[in-house]
Amino acid sequence: MATLLSKKTEQLTQGEIKISPGTLYGSLSKMEKDGLIKFIREEEKRKIYRITDLGTQVLNLEMKRIEHLYRSIMEA
């Protein structure tokens, strides 16, 4: 799964962001421990996760923070 996520991240950022599978595994593990995602099942050696309510709240706050930062930079 990490390889798929790594490739998708690189594709979406047009190669500007490259994340190693090891980094992704560590991030997924931390997000699961923090209650942001929940392991659902494994399919063909791939782990399937679902974002939790807490994860959705944190994601929305982070998106607002980044949008505010972007607006502040553009107005400067």
PDB file of N, CA and C in Angstrom:
ATOM      1  N   MET A   1       0.812  -1.188   0.000  1.00  0.00           N
ATOM      2  CA  MET A   1       0.000   0.000   0.000  1.00  0.00           C
ATOM      3  C   MET A   1       0.859   1.257   0.000  1.00  0.00           C
ATOM      4  N   ALA A   2       1.923   1.247   0.747  1.00  0.00           N
ATOM      5  CA  ALA A   2       2.762   2.442   0.812  1.00  0.00           C
ATOM      6  C   ALA A   2       3.321   2.796  -0.549  1.00  0.00           C
ATOM      7  N   THR A   3       3.651   1.780  -1.344  1.00  0.00           N
ATOM      8  CA  THR A   3       4.169   2.055  -2.676  1.00  0.00           C
ATOM      9  C   THR A   3       3.112   2.747  -3.517  1.00  0.00           C
ATOM     10  N   LEU A   4       1.869   2.296  -3.430  1.00  0.00           N
ATOM     11  CA  LEU A   4       0.773   2.918  -4.160  1.00  0.00           C
ATOM     12  C   LEU A   4       0.580   4.363  -3.712  1.00  0.00           C
ATOM     13  N   LEU A   5       0.602   4.597  -2.408  1.00  0.00           N
ATOM     14  CA  LEU A   5       0.474   5.955  -1.888  1.00  0.00           C
ATOM     15  C   LEU A   5       1.659   6.826  -2.299  1.00  0.00           C
ATOM     16  N   SER A   6       2.851   6.247  -2.279  1.00  0.00           N
ATOM     17  CA  SER A   6       4.046   6.989  -2.690  1.00  0.00           C
ATOM     18  C   SER A   6       3.920   7.438  -4.132  1.00  0.00           C
ATOM     19  N   LYS A   7       3.513   6.526  -4.988  1.00  0.00           N
ATOM     20  CA  LYS A   7       3.372   6.847  -6.419  1.00  0.00           C
ATOM     21  C   LYS A   7       2.281   7.878  -6.650  1.00  0.00           C
ATOM     22  N   LYS A   8       1.152   7.736  -5.957  1.00  0.00           N
ATOM     23  CA  LYS A   8       0.043   8.682  -6.118  1.00  0.00           C
ATOM     24  C   LYS A   8       0.444  10.069  -5.633  1.00  0.00           C
ATOM     25  N   THR A   9       1.155  10.144  -4.522  1.00  0.00           N
ATOM     26  CA  THR A   9       1.621  11.433  -4.010  1.00  0.00           C
ATOM     27  C   THR A   9       2.554  12.098  -5.006  1.00  0.00           C
ATOM     28  N   GLU A  10       3.476  11.331  -5.545  1.00  0.00           N
ATOM     29  CA  GLU A  10       4.415  11.874  -6.529  1.00  0.00           C
ATOM     30  C   GLU A  10       3.670  12.343  -7.780  1.00  0.00           C
ATOM     31  N   GLN A  11       2.683  11.582  -8.201  1.00  0.00           N
ATOM     32  CA  GLN A  11       1.896  11.944  -9.389  1.00  0.00           C
ATOM     33  C   GLN A  11       1.100  13.231  -9.142  1.00  0.00           C
ATOM     34  N   LEU A  12       0.413  13.310  -8.005  1.00  0.00           N
ATOM     35  CA  LEU A  12      -0.413  14.481  -7.707  1.00  0.00           C
ATOM     36  C   LEU A  12       0.403  15.759  -7.559  1.00  0.00           C
ATOM     37  N   THR A  13       1.648  15.625  -7.111  1.00  0.00           N
ATOM     38  CA  THR A  13       2.508  16.801  -6.917  1.00  0.00           C
ATOM     39  C   THR A  13       3.471  17.004  -8.082  1.00  0.00           C
ATOM     40  N   GLN A  14       3.236  16.263  -9.151  1.00  0.00           N
ATOM     41  CA  GLN A  14       4.074  16.348 -10.349  1.00  0.00           C
ATOM     42  C   GLN A  14       5.555  16.166 -10.015  1.00  0.00           C
ATOM     43  N   GLY A  15       5.809  15.205  -9.134  1.00  0.00           N
ATOM     44  CA  GLY A  15       7.168  14.836  -8.787  1.00  0.00           C
ATOM     45  C   GLY A  15       7.833  15.713  -7.751  1.00  0.00           C
ATOM     46  N   GLU A  16       7.130  16.731  -7.252  1.00  0.00           N
ATOM     47  CA  GLU A  16       7.740  17.640  -6.281  1.00  0.00           C
ATOM     48  C   GLU A  16       7.855  17.021  -4.898  1.00  0.00           C
ATOM     49  N   ILE A  17       6.958  16.090  -4.570  1.00  0.00           N
ATOM     50  CA  ILE A  17       7.003  15.440  -3.264  1.00  0.00           C
ATOM     51  C   ILE A  17       7.162  13.943  -3.481  1.00  0.00           C
ATOM     52  N   LYS A  18       8.228  13.405  -2.916  1.00  0.00           N
ATOM     53  CA  LYS A  18       8.488  11.968  -2.980  1.00  0.00           C
ATOM     54  C   LYS A  18       8.583  11.452  -1.553  1.00  0.00           C
ATOM     55  N   ILE A  19       7.725  10.487  -1.231  1.00  0.00           N
ATOM     56  CA  ILE A  19       7.681   9.940   0.119  1.00  0.00           C
ATOM     57  C   ILE A  19       8.058   8.470   0.060  1.00  0.00           C
ATOM     58  N   SER A  20       9.035   8.088   0.842  1.00  0.00           N
ATOM     59  CA  SER A  20       9.461   6.687   0.841  1.00  0.00           C
ATOM     60  C   SER A  20       8.427   5.829   1.556  1.00  0.00           C
ATOM     61  N   PRO A  21       8.343   4.547   1.194  1.00  0.00           N
ATOM     62  CA  PRO A  21       7.409   3.653   1.888  1.00  0.00           C
ATOM     63  C   PRO A  21       7.638   3.629   3.394  1.00  0.00           C
ATOM     64  N   GLY A  22       8.883   3.687   3.830  1.00  0.00           N
ATOM     65  CA  GLY A  22       9.171   3.684   5.267  1.00  0.00           C
ATOM     66  C   GLY A  22       8.568   4.884   5.983  1.00  0.00           C
ATOM     67  N   THR A  23       8.648   6.038   5.349  1.00  0.00           N
ATOM     68  CA  THR A  23       8.053   7.253   5.908  1.00  0.00           C
ATOM     69  C   THR A  23       6.542   7.111   5.991  1.00  0.00           C
ATOM     70  N   LEU A  24       5.949   6.567   4.937  1.00  0.00           N
ATOM     71  CA  LEU A  24       4.491   6.382   4.933  1.00  0.00           C
ATOM     72  C   LEU A  24       4.041   5.403   5.999  1.00  0.00           C
ATOM     73  N   TYR A  25       4.754   4.289   6.136  1.00  0.00           N
ATOM     74  CA  TYR A  25       4.385   3.312   7.172  1.00  0.00           C
ATOM     75  C   TYR A  25       4.442   3.944   8.554  1.00  0.00           C
ATOM     76  N   GLY A  26       5.467   4.739   8.805  1.00  0.00           N
ATOM     77  CA  GLY A  26       5.584   5.424  10.096  1.00  0.00           C
ATOM     78  C   GLY A  26       4.457   6.416  10.318  1.00  0.00           C
ATOM     79  N   SER A  27       4.110   7.147   9.266  1.00  0.00           N
ATOM     80  CA  SER A  27       3.023   8.123   9.370  1.00  0.00           C
ATOM     81  C   SER A  27       1.683   7.436   9.603  1.00  0.00           C
ATOM     82  N   LEU A  28       1.424   6.365   8.862  1.00  0.00           N
ATOM     83  CA  LEU A  28       0.172   5.629   9.051  1.00  0.00           C
ATOM     84  C   LEU A  28       0.079   5.061  10.463  1.00  0.00           C
ATOM     85  N   SER A  29       1.185   4.529  10.962  1.00  0.00           N
ATOM     86  CA  SER A  29       1.208   3.977  12.308  1.00  0.00           C
ATOM     87  C   SER A  29       0.902   5.050  13.346  1.00  0.00           C
ATOM     88  N   LYS A  30       1.520   6.226  13.200  1.00  0.00           N
ATOM     89  CA  LYS A  30       1.288   7.323  14.144  1.00  0.00           C
ATOM     90  C   LYS A  30      -0.147   7.820  14.061  1.00  0.00           C
ATOM     91  N   MET A  31      -0.680   7.959  12.837  1.00  0.00           N
ATOM     92  CA  MET A  31      -2.066   8.423  12.697  1.00  0.00           C
ATOM     93  C   MET A  31      -3.042   7.429  13.321  1.00  0.00           C
ATOM     94  N   GLU A  32      -2.736   6.132  13.190  1.00  0.00           N
ATOM     95  CA  GLU A  32      -3.599   5.125  13.806  1.00  0.00           C
ATOM     96  C   GLU A  32      -3.524   5.206  15.333  1.00  0.00           C
ATOM     97  N   LYS A  33      -2.319   5.340  15.877  1.00  0.00           N
ATOM     98  CA  LYS A  33      -2.150   5.464  17.333  1.00  0.00           C
ATOM     99  C   LYS A  33      -2.832   6.710  17.876  1.00  0.00           C
ATOM    100  N   ASP A  34      -2.821   7.787  17.077  1.00  0.00           N
ATOM    101  CA  ASP A  34      -3.442   9.051  17.493  1.00  0.00           C
ATOM    102  C   ASP A  34      -4.959   9.060  17.293  1.00  0.00           C
ATOM    103  N   GLY A  35      -5.500   7.999  16.715  1.00  0.00           N
ATOM    104  CA  GLY A  35      -6.940   7.906  16.518  1.00  0.00           C
ATOM    105  C   GLY A  35      -7.459   8.674  15.318  1.00  0.00           C
ATOM    106  N   LEU A  36      -6.566   9.022  14.385  1.00  0.00           N
ATOM    107  CA  LEU A  36      -6.981   9.786  13.204  1.00  0.00           C
ATOM    108  C   LEU A  36      -7.490   8.881  12.085  1.00  0.00           C
ATOM    109  N   ILE A  37      -6.968   7.656  12.039  1.00  0.00           N
ATOM    110  CA  ILE A  37      -7.421   6.657  11.077  1.00  0.00           C
ATOM    111  C   ILE A  37      -7.641   5.349  11.813  1.00  0.00           C
ATOM    112  N   LYS A  38      -8.416   4.461  11.193  1.00  0.00           N
ATOM    113  CA  LYS A  38      -8.697   3.171  11.811  1.00  0.00           C
ATOM    114  C   LYS A  38      -8.487   2.081  10.769  1.00  0.00           C
ATOM    115  N   PHE A  39      -7.749   1.041  11.158  1.00  0.00           N
ATOM    116  CA  PHE A  39      -7.548  -0.109  10.276  1.00  0.00           C
ATOM    117  C   PHE A  39      -8.886  -0.814  10.090  1.00  0.00           C
ATOM    118  N   ILE A  40      -9.246  -1.096   8.832  1.00  0.00           N
ATOM    119  CA  ILE A  40     -10.515  -1.748   8.532  1.00  0.00           C
ATOM    120  C   ILE A  40     -10.302  -3.214   8.175  1.00  0.00           C
ATOM    121  N   ARG A  41      -9.425  -3.470   7.204  1.00  0.00           N
ATOM    122  CA  ARG A  41      -9.178  -4.845   6.764  1.00  0.00           C
ATOM    123  C   ARG A  41      -7.941  -4.876   5.874  1.00  0.00           C
ATOM    124  N   GLU A  42      -7.545  -6.080   5.534  1.00  0.00           N
ATOM    125  CA  GLU A  42      -6.421  -6.258   4.616  1.00  0.00           C
ATOM    126  C   GLU A  42      -6.936  -6.949   3.362  1.00  0.00           C
ATOM    127  N   GLU A  43      -6.532  -6.418   2.209  1.00  0.00           N
ATOM    128  CA  GLU A  43      -6.910  -6.994   0.919  1.00  0.00           C
ATOM    129  C   GLU A  43      -5.653  -7.179   0.086  1.00  0.00           C
ATOM    130  N   GLU A  44      -5.368  -8.405  -0.278  1.00  0.00           N
ATOM    131  CA  GLU A  44      -4.213  -8.708  -1.133  1.00  0.00           C
ATOM    132  C   GLU A  44      -2.943  -8.011  -0.635  1.00  0.00           C
ATOM    133  N   LYS A  45      -2.632  -8.192   0.627  1.00  0.00           N
ATOM    134  CA  LYS A  45      -1.440  -7.640   1.280  1.00  0.00           C
ATOM    135  C   LYS A  45      -1.479  -6.116   1.411  1.00  0.00           C
ATOM    136  N   ARG A  46      -2.644  -5.503   1.176  1.00  0.00           N
ATOM    137  CA  ARG A  46      -2.788  -4.058   1.350  1.00  0.00           C
ATOM    138  C   ARG A  46      -3.705  -3.796   2.524  1.00  0.00           C
ATOM    139  N   LYS A  47      -3.294  -2.873   3.384  1.00  0.00           N
ATOM    140  CA  LYS A  47      -4.123  -2.500   4.526  1.00  0.00           C
ATOM    141  C   LYS A  47      -5.067  -1.375   4.101  1.00  0.00           C
ATOM    142  N   ILE A  48      -6.318  -1.521   4.506  1.00  0.00           N
ATOM    143  CA  ILE A  48      -7.334  -0.523   4.212  1.00  0.00           C
ATOM    144  C   ILE A  48      -7.649   0.220   5.507  1.00  0.00           C
ATOM    145  N   TYR A  49      -7.572   1.549   5.458  1.00  0.00           N
ATOM    146  CA  TYR A  49      -7.861   2.388   6.610  1.00  0.00           C
ATOM    147  C   TYR A  49      -9.050   3.286   6.305  1.00  0.00           C
ATOM    148  N   ARG A  50      -9.698   3.759   7.352  1.00  0.00           N
ATOM    149  CA  ARG A  50     -10.777   4.735   7.214  1.00  0.00           C
ATOM    150  C   ARG A  50     -10.458   5.887   8.155  1.00  0.00           C
ATOM    151  N   ILE A  51     -10.703   7.089   7.674  1.00  0.00           N
ATOM    152  CA  ILE A  51     -10.496   8.258   8.529  1.00  0.00           C
ATOM    153  C   ILE A  51     -11.585   8.265   9.610  1.00  0.00           C
ATOM    154  N   THR A  52     -11.204   8.618  10.806  1.00  0.00           N
ATOM    155  CA  THR A  52     -12.148   8.670  11.931  1.00  0.00           C
ATOM    156  C   THR A  52     -12.777  10.067  12.005  1.00  0.00           C
ATOM    157  N   ASP A  53     -13.758  10.209  12.875  1.00  0.00           N
ATOM    158  CA  ASP A  53     -14.360  11.537  13.084  1.00  0.00           C
ATOM    159  C   ASP A  53     -13.297  12.526  13.561  1.00  0.00           C
ATOM    160  N   LEU A  54     -12.452  12.078  14.482  1.00  0.00           N
ATOM    161  CA  LEU A  54     -11.363  12.941  14.957  1.00  0.00           C
ATOM    162  C   LEU A  54     -10.427  13.288  13.803  1.00  0.00           C
ATOM    163  N   GLY A  55     -10.115  12.317  12.978  1.00  0.00           N
ATOM    164  CA  GLY A  55      -9.247  12.566  11.827  1.00  0.00           C
ATOM    165  C   GLY A  55      -9.841  13.594  10.882  1.00  0.00           C
ATOM    166  N   THR A  56     -11.151  13.521  10.668  1.00  0.00           N
ATOM    167  CA  THR A  56     -11.831  14.496   9.806  1.00  0.00           C
ATOM    168  C   THR A  56     -11.766  15.896  10.410  1.00  0.00           C
ATOM    169  N   GLN A  57     -11.947  15.991  11.727  1.00  0.00           N
ATOM    170  CA  GLN A  57     -11.858  17.289  12.394  1.00  0.00           C
ATOM    171  C   GLN A  57     -10.462  17.876  12.263  1.00  0.00           C
ATOM    172  N   VAL A  58      -9.445  17.051  12.497  1.00  0.00           N
ATOM    173  CA  VAL A  58      -8.054  17.513  12.399  1.00  0.00           C
ATOM    174  C   VAL A  58      -7.734  17.914  10.964  1.00  0.00           C
ATOM    175  N   LEU A  59      -8.191  17.135  10.002  1.00  0.00           N
ATOM    176  CA  LEU A  59      -7.965  17.461   8.593  1.00  0.00           C
ATOM    177  C   LEU A  59      -8.598  18.797   8.238  1.00  0.00           C
ATOM    178  N   ASN A  60      -9.836  19.023   8.657  1.00  0.00           N
ATOM    179  CA  ASN A  60     -10.506  20.290   8.361  1.00  0.00           C
ATOM    180  C   ASN A  60      -9.784  21.479   8.988  1.00  0.00           C
ATOM    181  N   LEU A  61      -9.325  21.320  10.228  1.00  0.00           N
ATOM    182  CA  LEU A  61      -8.562  22.392  10.874  1.00  0.00           C
ATOM    183  C   LEU A  61      -7.259  22.677  10.136  1.00  0.00           C
ATOM    184  N   GLU A  62      -6.583  21.623   9.710  1.00  0.00           N
ATOM    185  CA  GLU A  62      -5.315  21.797   8.987  1.00  0.00           C
ATOM    186  C   GLU A  62      -5.546  22.471   7.630  1.00  0.00           C
ATOM    187  N   MET A  63      -6.620  22.096   6.952  1.00  0.00           N
ATOM    188  CA  MET A  63      -6.925  22.730   5.667  1.00  0.00           C
ATOM    189  C   MET A  63      -7.219  24.219   5.853  1.00  0.00           C
ATOM    190  N   LYS A  64      -7.955  24.569   6.907  1.00  0.00           N
ATOM    191  CA  LYS A  64      -8.231  25.978   7.195  1.00  0.00           C
ATOM    192  C   LYS A  64      -6.943  26.725   7.509  1.00  0.00           C
ATOM    193  N   ARG A  65      -6.058  26.080   8.267  1.00  0.00           N
ATOM    194  CA  ARG A  65      -4.777  26.720   8.612  1.00  0.00           C
ATOM    195  C   ARG A  65      -3.962  27.001   7.356  1.00  0.00           C
ATOM    196  N   ILE A  66      -3.899  26.042   6.459  1.00  0.00           N
ATOM    197  CA  ILE A  66      -3.120  26.207   5.226  1.00  0.00           C
ATOM    198  C   ILE A  66      -3.763  27.258   4.322  1.00  0.00           C
ATOM    199  N   GLU A  67      -5.090  27.256   4.226  1.00  0.00           N
ATOM    200  CA  GLU A  67      -5.785  28.270   3.425  1.00  0.00           C
ATOM    201  C   GLU A  67      -5.517  29.670   3.968  1.00  0.00           C
ATOM    202  N   HIS A  68      -5.550  29.808   5.295  1.00  0.00           N
ATOM    203  CA  HIS A  68      -5.270  31.105   5.918  1.00  0.00           C
ATOM    204  C   HIS A  68      -3.830  31.541   5.623  1.00  0.00           C
ATOM    205  N   LEU A  69      -2.898  30.623   5.747  1.00  0.00           N
ATOM    206  CA  LEU A  69      -1.502  30.914   5.449  1.00  0.00           C
ATOM    207  C   LEU A  69      -1.346  31.349   3.990  1.00  0.00           C
ATOM    208  N   TYR A  70      -1.995  30.644   3.082  1.00  0.00           N
ATOM    209  CA  TYR A  70      -1.925  30.979   1.656  1.00  0.00           C
ATOM    210  C   TYR A  70      -2.493  32.368   1.396  1.00  0.00           C
ATOM    211  N   ARG A  71      -3.669  32.660   1.974  1.00  0.00           N
ATOM    212  CA  ARG A  71      -4.276  33.988   1.783  1.00  0.00           C
ATOM    213  C   ARG A  71      -3.365  35.077   2.333  1.00  0.00           C
ATOM    214  N   SER A  72      -2.756  34.832   3.478  1.00  0.00           N
ATOM    215  CA  SER A  72      -1.862  35.819   4.087  1.00  0.00           C
ATOM    216  C   SER A  72      -0.662  36.093   3.190  1.00  0.00           C
ATOM    217  N   ILE A  73      -0.124  35.066   2.602  1.00  0.00           N
ATOM    218  CA  ILE A  73       1.035  35.234   1.712  1.00  0.00           C
ATOM    219  C   ILE A  73       0.638  35.987   0.450  1.00  0.00           C
ATOM    220  N   MET A  74      -0.526  35.653  -0.101  1.00  0.00           N
ATOM    221  CA  MET A  74      -0.966  36.285  -1.345  1.00  0.00           C
ATOM    222  C   MET A  74      -1.306  37.763  -1.133  1.00  0.00           C
ATOM    223  N   GLU A  75      -1.738  38.136   0.066  1.00  0.00           N
ATOM    224  CA  GLU A  75      -2.083  39.523   0.351  1.00  0.00           C
ATOM    225  C   GLU A  75      -0.857  40.369   0.695  1.00  0.00           C
ATOM    226  N   ALA A  76       0.238  39.730   0.980  1.00  0.00           N
ATOM    227  CA  ALA A  76       1.454  40.451   1.394  1.00  0.00           C
ATOM    228  C   ALA A  76       2.096  41.167   0.224  1.00  0.00           C
TER     229      ALA A  76
END
